[in-house]
Amino acid sequence: LPAQHRRECYRQWLIEAHQEARQILPELARLLERNAEHRAALERDRKLAVLREMQVVGMTTTAVSKYQQLLKELRPEIVIVEEAAEVLEAHILTALHPRTQHVVLIGDHQQLRPSTAVYRLSKHFHLDVSLFERLIHNGAAHVTLLQQRRMHPKISRLIKPLYPLLRDHGSTSLYPDIKGVDARCHFLQHFQFEDDEGESHSKQNSF
């Protein structure tokens, strides 16, 4: 065949191949999606079988959102949230379901609040107020730690204005001195601003 005819044949075959592919691809996509859903269900059933053998299941708030369907099928009756004052209320609610009987929140509402990606939403809609803090401010029954065993009294006295009822356990006075350090508390005065970390919530000062 002349070169011109060969080019026309090639273009025609290419058009026919594209048309055939357009007809086949939707069905292949549907089969792929169905197989993916079937595989995800099998994987979820496998994980669920393992979790049901456990007495305690721990996960981050990110995992709670990621495995929400798995949690609904697991139906834990008791949910314990550590550092609850730093967790967004929505993240806690995703872990609850109609079979939940007890929710135990552990944290300190006088320390760090939950962080959100949009500062304006935190301030105008109070998204930085955790469920833990909101319940305490609304008079929910709670228990406050009144005795600490972590800090030496010379250190714990720094937070006594915030926690006036906090007592030191007797063992804290027996903590040995740190070798090579002449005092338990040191204060450094400077006038250097923190480094600009962009979108990061962490701060550092490299001066």
Protein backbone atom coordinates (compact mmCIF):
# COMPACT_ATOMS: atom_id res chain seq x y z
CA LEU A 1 0.00 0.00 0.00
CA PRO A 2 1.13 3.57 -0.58
CA ALA A 3 2.31 5.48 2.46
CA GLN A 4 -0.82 7.66 2.50
CA HIS A 5 -3.09 4.60 2.59
CA ARG A 6 -1.01 3.02 5.35
CA ARG A 7 -1.37 6.18 7.47
CA GLU A 8 -5.15 6.18 6.92
CA CYS A 9 -5.38 2.50 7.89
CA TYR A 10 -3.34 3.18 11.02
CA ARG A 11 -5.60 6.09 12.03
CA GLN A 12 -8.70 3.98 11.42
CA TRP A 13 -7.36 1.09 13.49
CA LEU A 14 -6.40 3.53 16.25
CA ILE A 15 -9.94 5.00 16.32
CA GLU A 16 -11.49 1.52 16.44
CA ALA A 17 -9.15 0.48 19.26
CA HIS A 18 -10.08 3.60 21.28
CA GLN A 19 -13.78 2.99 20.73
CA GLU A 20 -13.46 -0.61 21.84
CA ALA A 21 -11.49 0.47 24.93
CA ARG A 22 -14.15 3.04 25.86
CA GLN A 23 -16.74 0.29 25.77
CA ILE A 24 -14.68 -2.13 27.86
CA LEU A 25 -13.21 0.26 30.45
CA PRO A 26 -16.46 1.01 32.37
CA GLU A 27 -17.09 -2.69 32.93
CA LEU A 28 -13.46 -3.26 33.95
CA ALA A 29 -13.68 -0.32 36.37
CA ARG A 30 -16.87 -1.75 37.88
CA LEU A 31 -15.25 -5.17 38.31
CA LEU A 32 -12.14 -3.58 39.82
CA GLU A 33 -14.22 -1.58 42.30
CA ARG A 34 -16.27 -4.64 43.24
CA ASN A 35 -13.13 -6.73 43.78
CA ALA A 36 -11.56 -3.95 45.84
CA GLU A 37 -14.66 -3.73 48.05
CA HIS A 38 -14.70 -7.51 48.43
CA ARG A 39 -11.03 -7.57 49.37
CA ALA A 40 -11.53 -4.70 51.87
CA ALA A 41 -14.43 -6.61 53.44
CA LEU A 42 -12.30 -9.74 53.79
CA GLU A 43 -9.46 -7.72 55.31
CA ARG A 44 -11.90 -6.03 57.70
CA ASP A 45 -13.32 -9.40 58.75
CA ARG A 46 -9.80 -10.71 59.38
CA LYS A 47 -8.92 -7.70 61.53
CA LEU A 48 -12.25 -7.92 63.34
CA ALA A 49 -11.63 -11.58 64.20
CA VAL A 50 -8.24 -10.66 65.69
CA LEU A 51 -9.59 -7.66 67.63
CA ARG A 52 -12.45 -9.66 69.15
CA GLU A 53 -9.88 -11.91 70.81
CA MET A 54 -8.30 -8.91 72.55
CA GLN A 55 -9.45 -7.49 75.90
CA VAL A 56 -7.93 -4.06 75.18
CA VAL A 57 -7.62 -2.40 71.77
CA GLY A 58 -5.59 0.82 71.49
CA MET A 59 -5.40 3.25 68.59
CA THR A 60 -4.81 6.90 67.76
CA THR A 61 -7.62 9.32 66.94
CA THR A 62 -6.49 9.17 63.32
CA ALA A 63 -6.98 5.41 63.31
CA VAL A 64 -10.42 5.86 64.89
CA SER A 65 -11.48 7.90 61.89
CA LYS A 66 -9.75 5.58 59.42
CA TYR A 67 -11.25 2.37 60.84
CA GLN A 68 -14.67 3.77 61.76
CA GLN A 69 -16.53 0.92 60.05
CA LEU A 70 -14.36 -1.60 61.86
CA LEU A 71 -15.15 0.04 65.20
CA LYS A 72 -18.87 -0.04 64.47
CA GLU A 73 -18.67 -3.79 63.94
CA LEU A 74 -16.39 -4.28 66.96
CA ARG A 75 -18.86 -2.33 69.18
CA PRO A 76 -16.62 -1.68 72.22
CA GLU A 77 -18.71 -1.15 75.35
CA ILE A 78 -16.03 0.90 77.15
CA VAL A 79 -14.07 3.70 75.46
CA ILE A 80 -11.08 5.27 77.26
CA VAL A 81 -9.53 8.44 75.85
CA GLU A 82 -6.07 9.48 77.05
CA GLU A 83 -5.10 13.17 76.82
CA ALA A 84 -8.78 13.88 76.22
CA ALA A 85 -8.30 17.62 76.68
CA GLU A 86 -6.17 17.69 73.51
CA VAL A 87 -8.59 15.68 71.36
CA LEU A 88 -11.20 17.32 69.15
CA GLU A 89 -14.75 16.55 70.21
CA ALA A 90 -15.58 15.17 66.76
CA HIS A 91 -12.76 12.62 67.03
CA ILE A 92 -14.19 11.26 70.27
CA LEU A 93 -17.72 11.08 68.89
CA THR A 94 -16.56 8.92 65.96
CA ALA A 95 -15.45 6.26 68.46
CA LEU A 96 -18.90 6.03 70.08
CA HIS A 97 -21.86 3.93 68.97
CA PRO A 98 -25.24 2.83 70.41
CA ARG A 99 -23.64 -0.07 72.31
CA THR A 100 -21.19 2.18 74.19
CA GLN A 101 -21.88 2.00 77.93
CA HIS A 102 -18.97 3.89 79.47
CA VAL A 103 -16.73 6.70 78.24
CA VAL A 104 -13.68 7.45 80.38
CA LEU A 105 -11.90 10.73 79.58
CA ILE A 106 -8.44 11.29 81.09
CA GLY A 107 -6.64 14.59 80.73
CA ASP A 108 -6.04 18.10 82.01
CA HIS A 109 -8.27 20.85 80.65
CA GLN A 110 -5.91 23.50 82.08
CA GLN A 111 -3.13 22.53 79.70
CA LEU A 112 -3.00 22.20 75.90
CA ARG A 113 -6.20 22.46 73.88
CA PRO A 114 -6.99 20.62 70.64
CA SER A 115 -5.32 22.07 67.57
CA THR A 116 -7.18 22.72 64.33
CA ALA A 117 -5.88 23.38 60.84
CA VAL A 118 -7.84 26.65 60.53
CA TYR A 119 -7.24 29.11 63.37
CA ARG A 120 -10.35 31.16 62.52
CA LEU A 121 -12.62 28.17 63.01
CA SER A 122 -11.09 27.53 66.42
CA LYS A 123 -11.75 31.00 67.69
CA HIS A 124 -15.10 31.80 66.09
CA PHE A 125 -16.74 28.39 66.51
CA HIS A 126 -14.86 27.15 69.62
CA LEU A 127 -13.56 24.03 67.88
CA ASP A 128 -10.52 24.17 70.16
CA VAL A 129 -12.72 23.32 73.16
CA SER A 130 -12.58 19.59 73.81
CA LEU A 131 -15.49 17.48 74.99
CA PHE A 132 -13.51 16.95 78.20
CA GLU A 133 -13.23 20.68 78.93
CA ARG A 134 -16.82 21.39 77.94
CA LEU A 135 -18.18 18.70 80.26
CA ILE A 136 -16.16 19.97 83.22
CA HIS A 137 -17.22 23.59 82.65
CA ASN A 138 -20.84 22.42 82.51
CA GLY A 139 -20.61 20.75 85.90
CA ALA A 140 -20.15 17.10 84.89
CA ALA A 141 -18.96 14.86 87.70
CA HIS A 142 -15.21 14.31 87.56
CA VAL A 143 -12.25 13.32 89.73
CA THR A 144 -9.15 15.52 90.03
CA LEU A 145 -5.68 14.24 90.86
CA LEU A 146 -4.66 15.67 94.21
CA GLN A 147 -1.34 13.91 94.75
CA GLN A 148 1.59 13.73 92.36
CA ARG A 149 4.56 11.35 92.39
CA ARG A 150 6.51 12.65 89.39
CA MET A 151 8.16 15.96 90.35
CA HIS A 152 10.45 16.97 93.18
CA PRO A 153 8.73 19.56 95.44
CA LYS A 154 11.14 22.26 94.23
CA ILE A 155 9.76 21.74 90.73
CA SER A 156 6.11 21.10 91.55
CA ARG A 157 5.92 24.37 93.49
CA LEU A 158 6.10 26.17 90.13
CA ILE A 159 2.63 24.91 89.20
CA LYS A 160 1.02 25.27 92.64
CA PRO A 161 -0.63 28.61 91.64
CA LEU A 162 -2.52 26.69 88.94
CA TYR A 163 -3.14 23.63 91.10
CA PRO A 164 -3.44 24.94 94.68
CA LEU A 165 -4.79 21.62 96.03
CA LEU A 166 -2.00 19.50 94.58
CA ARG A 167 0.09 17.65 97.15
CA ASP A 168 3.49 16.00 96.80
CA HIS A 169 3.86 12.36 97.72
CA GLY A 170 6.53 11.76 100.35
CA SER A 171 8.69 9.80 97.92
CA THR A 172 9.21 12.88 95.70
CA SER A 173 11.44 14.50 98.35
CA LEU A 174 13.77 11.51 98.15
CA TYR A 175 14.59 11.92 94.48
CA PRO A 176 18.41 12.21 94.13
CA ASP A 177 20.09 15.29 92.76
CA ILE A 178 21.10 15.30 89.11
CA LYS A 179 24.85 14.76 88.83
CA GLY A 180 26.69 17.77 87.49
CA VAL A 181 23.75 20.15 88.02
CA ASP A 182 23.79 22.37 91.10
CA ALA A 183 20.06 23.18 91.17
CA ARG A 184 16.83 21.48 90.18
CA CYS A 185 15.44 24.55 88.38
CA HIS A 186 17.24 26.93 86.06
CA PHE A 187 15.80 30.01 84.34
CA LEU A 188 17.39 31.53 81.26
CA GLN A 189 16.50 35.09 80.27
CA HIS A 190 16.86 36.12 76.65
CA PHE A 191 15.29 38.45 74.12
CA GLN A 192 15.52 36.31 70.97
CA PHE A 193 12.31 35.50 69.11
CA GLU A 194 11.35 31.95 68.15
CA ASP A 195 12.24 30.64 64.71
CA ASP A 196 9.58 30.87 62.03
CA GLU A 197 8.49 27.29 61.39
CA GLY A 198 5.77 28.09 58.85
CA GLU A 199 2.74 25.84 59.30
CA SER A 200 4.34 23.74 62.04
CA HIS A 201 2.86 23.89 65.54
CA SER A 202 6.26 23.09 67.07
CA LYS A 203 8.49 25.94 68.22
CA GLN A 204 12.23 26.23 68.59
CA ASN A 205 14.79 28.91 69.26
CA SER A 206 18.21 28.37 67.69
CA PHE A 207 20.00 31.49 68.92
